[in-house]
């Protein structure tokens, strides 16, 4: 009986940790990538312009009409394609 109770308790604890908060990017800033020339970094920010470091994961952005999957880590993602001229960036949805 104790083993059954232990197994059920472990399953409930594990199941509760599976549910995660949904993270959305409400504001972002496009900056020059300090590590590569002609590339940009997209930084998730709050309304005050502070980096939102809890943004982690893959988000879909549209860049010049093409949908790109950008991987955010601590609120920053790097767009690895070279940009010769101005570009249009927007977040389309979270994945």
C-alpha atoms as a PDB file:
ATOM      1  CA  UNK A   1       0.000   0.000   0.000  1.00  0.00           C
ATOM      2  CA  UNK A   2       2.854   2.375   0.817  1.00  0.00           C
ATOM      3  CA  UNK A   3       4.448   1.695  -2.578  1.00  0.00           C
ATOM      4  CA  UNK A   4       1.190   2.460  -4.369  1.00  0.00           C
ATOM      5  CA  UNK A   5       0.804   5.703  -2.422  1.00  0.00           C
ATOM      6  CA  UNK A   6       4.414   6.649  -3.225  1.00  0.00           C
ATOM      7  CA  UNK A   7       3.933   5.935  -6.947  1.00  0.00           C
ATOM      8  CA  UNK A   8       0.692   7.947  -7.095  1.00  0.00           C
ATOM      9  CA  UNK A   9       2.336  10.844  -5.229  1.00  0.00           C
ATOM     10  CA  UNK A  10       5.295  10.866  -7.606  1.00  0.00           C
ATOM     11  CA  UNK A  11       2.983  10.803 -10.637  1.00  0.00           C
ATOM     12  CA  UNK A  12       0.980  13.747  -9.303  1.00  0.00           C
ATOM     13  CA  UNK A  13       4.107  15.780  -8.575  1.00  0.00           C
ATOM     14  CA  UNK A  14       5.570  15.010 -12.003  1.00  0.00           C
ATOM     15  CA  UNK A  15       2.296  15.812 -13.745  1.00  0.00           C
ATOM     16  CA  UNK A  16       2.020  19.162 -12.000  1.00  0.00           C
ATOM     17  CA  UNK A  17       5.469  20.215 -13.197  1.00  0.00           C
ATOM     18  CA  UNK A  18       4.548  19.537 -16.845  1.00  0.00           C
ATOM     19  CA  UNK A  19       2.277  22.576 -17.040  1.00  0.00           C
ATOM     20  CA  UNK A  20       4.246  25.728 -17.819  1.00  0.00           C
ATOM     21  CA  UNK A  21       3.287  29.367 -18.044  1.00  0.00           C
ATOM     22  CA  UNK A  22       2.658  30.749 -21.498  1.00  0.00           C
ATOM     23  CA  UNK A  23       5.232  33.349 -22.417  1.00  0.00           C
ATOM     24  CA  UNK A  24       4.396  36.039 -24.931  1.00  0.00           C
ATOM     25  CA  UNK A  25       6.518  38.807 -26.333  1.00  0.00           C
ATOM     26  CA  UNK A  26       4.573  42.052 -26.120  1.00  0.00           C
ATOM     27  CA  UNK A  27       7.483  44.385 -26.886  1.00  0.00           C
ATOM     28  CA  UNK A  28      10.792  43.843 -28.600  1.00  0.00           C
ATOM     29  CA  UNK A  29      13.758  45.878 -29.749  1.00  0.00           C
ATOM     30  CA  UNK A  30      15.901  45.212 -32.809  1.00  0.00           C
ATOM     31  CA  UNK A  31      19.575  45.906 -32.163  1.00  0.00           C
ATOM     32  CA  UNK A  32      22.748  45.447 -34.129  1.00  0.00           C
ATOM     33  CA  UNK A  33      24.303  42.084 -33.340  1.00  0.00           C
ATOM     34  CA  UNK A  34      27.553  42.864 -31.479  1.00  0.00           C
ATOM     35  CA  UNK A  35      29.027  39.503 -32.541  1.00  0.00           C
ATOM     36  CA  UNK A  36      28.413  39.656 -36.310  1.00  0.00           C
ATOM     37  CA  UNK A  37      28.438  42.375 -38.937  1.00  0.00           C
ATOM     38  CA  UNK A  38      25.167  43.115 -40.822  1.00  0.00           C
ATOM     39  CA  UNK A  39      23.164  40.855 -38.491  1.00  0.00           C
ATOM     40  CA  UNK A  40      20.624  41.816 -35.833  1.00  0.00           C
ATOM     41  CA  UNK A  41      19.602  40.699 -32.367  1.00  0.00           C
ATOM     42  CA  UNK A  42      15.954  40.766 -31.281  1.00  0.00           C
ATOM     43  CA  UNK A  43      15.562  41.551 -27.583  1.00  0.00           C
ATOM     44  CA  UNK A  44      12.282  40.967 -25.713  1.00  0.00           C
ATOM     45  CA  UNK A  45      11.575  43.940 -23.465  1.00  0.00           C
ATOM     46  CA  UNK A  46       8.935  45.240 -21.103  1.00  0.00           C
ATOM     47  CA  UNK A  47       7.209  48.600 -21.528  1.00  0.00           C
ATOM     48  CA  UNK A  48      10.108  50.352 -19.758  1.00  0.00           C
ATOM     49  CA  UNK A  49      12.655  48.901 -22.200  1.00  0.00           C
ATOM     50  CA  UNK A  50      14.191  46.429 -19.739  1.00  0.00           C
ATOM     51  CA  UNK A  51      15.165  42.993 -21.082  1.00  0.00           C
ATOM     52  CA  UNK A  52      12.596  40.311 -20.235  1.00  0.00           C
ATOM     53  CA  UNK A  53      14.979  37.493 -19.287  1.00  0.00           C
ATOM     54  CA  UNK A  54      12.257  34.877 -18.695  1.00  0.00           C
ATOM     55  CA  UNK A  55      11.629  34.673 -22.460  1.00  0.00           C
ATOM     56  CA  UNK A  56      13.156  31.335 -23.431  1.00  0.00           C
ATOM     57  CA  UNK A  57      12.172  29.133 -26.352  1.00  0.00           C
ATOM     58  CA  UNK A  58      11.349  29.270 -30.047  1.00  0.00           C
ATOM     59  CA  UNK A  59       9.162  32.069 -31.383  1.00  0.00           C
ATOM     60  CA  UNK A  60       8.015  32.705 -34.940  1.00  0.00           C
ATOM     61  CA  UNK A  61       8.868  36.084 -36.449  1.00  0.00           C
ATOM     62  CA  UNK A  62       8.253  37.425 -39.923  1.00  0.00           C
ATOM     63  CA  UNK A  63      11.312  39.051 -41.481  1.00  0.00           C
ATOM     64  CA  UNK A  64      10.865  40.711 -44.893  1.00  0.00           C
ATOM     65  CA  UNK A  65       7.800  38.553 -45.511  1.00  0.00           C
ATOM     66  CA  UNK A  66       9.510  35.253 -44.642  1.00  0.00           C
ATOM     67  CA  UNK A  67       8.605  33.364 -41.497  1.00  0.00           C
ATOM     68  CA  UNK A  68      11.611  32.564 -39.302  1.00  0.00           C
ATOM     69  CA  UNK A  69      11.897  30.520 -36.119  1.00  0.00           C
ATOM     70  CA  UNK A  70      14.051  32.439 -33.640  1.00  0.00           C
ATOM     71  CA  UNK A  71      15.418  30.773 -30.519  1.00  0.00           C
ATOM     72  CA  UNK A  72      15.340  33.088 -27.495  1.00  0.00           C
ATOM     73  CA  UNK A  73      17.613  32.593 -24.516  1.00  0.00           C
ATOM     74  CA  UNK A  74      17.364  35.039 -21.595  1.00  0.00           C
ATOM     75  CA  UNK A  75      15.250  37.374 -23.714  1.00  0.00           C
ATOM     76  CA  UNK A  76      17.578  37.610 -26.721  1.00  0.00           C
ATOM     77  CA  UNK A  77      17.530  35.922 -30.133  1.00  0.00           C
ATOM     78  CA  UNK A  78      19.917  36.380 -33.033  1.00  0.00           C
ATOM     79  CA  UNK A  79      18.758  36.628 -36.638  1.00  0.00           C
ATOM     80  CA  UNK A  80      21.647  34.866 -38.385  1.00  0.00           C
ATOM     81  CA  UNK A  81      21.010  36.127 -41.927  1.00  0.00           C
ATOM     82  CA  UNK A  82      22.880  39.140 -43.226  1.00  0.00           C
ATOM     83  CA  UNK A  83      20.787  42.264 -43.740  1.00  0.00           C
ATOM     84  CA  UNK A  84      21.975  44.596 -46.479  1.00  0.00           C
ATOM     85  CA  UNK A  85      19.142  47.121 -46.239  1.00  0.00           C
ATOM     86  CA  UNK A  86      16.263  47.894 -43.933  1.00  0.00           C
ATOM     87  CA  UNK A  87      14.073  44.964 -42.982  1.00  0.00           C
ATOM     88  CA  UNK A  88      10.602  44.495 -41.579  1.00  0.00           C
ATOM     89  CA  UNK A  89      10.316  42.385 -38.405  1.00  0.00           C
ATOM     90  CA  UNK A  90       7.222  41.370 -36.460  1.00  0.00           C
ATOM     91  CA  UNK A  91       6.262  38.575 -34.106  1.00  0.00           C
ATOM     92  CA  UNK A  92       3.580  36.372 -35.622  1.00  0.00           C
ATOM     93  CA  UNK A  93       2.860  33.799 -32.902  1.00  0.00           C
ATOM     94  CA  UNK A  94       4.452  31.795 -30.146  1.00  0.00           C
ATOM     95  CA  UNK A  95       5.359  28.168 -30.575  1.00  0.00           C
END
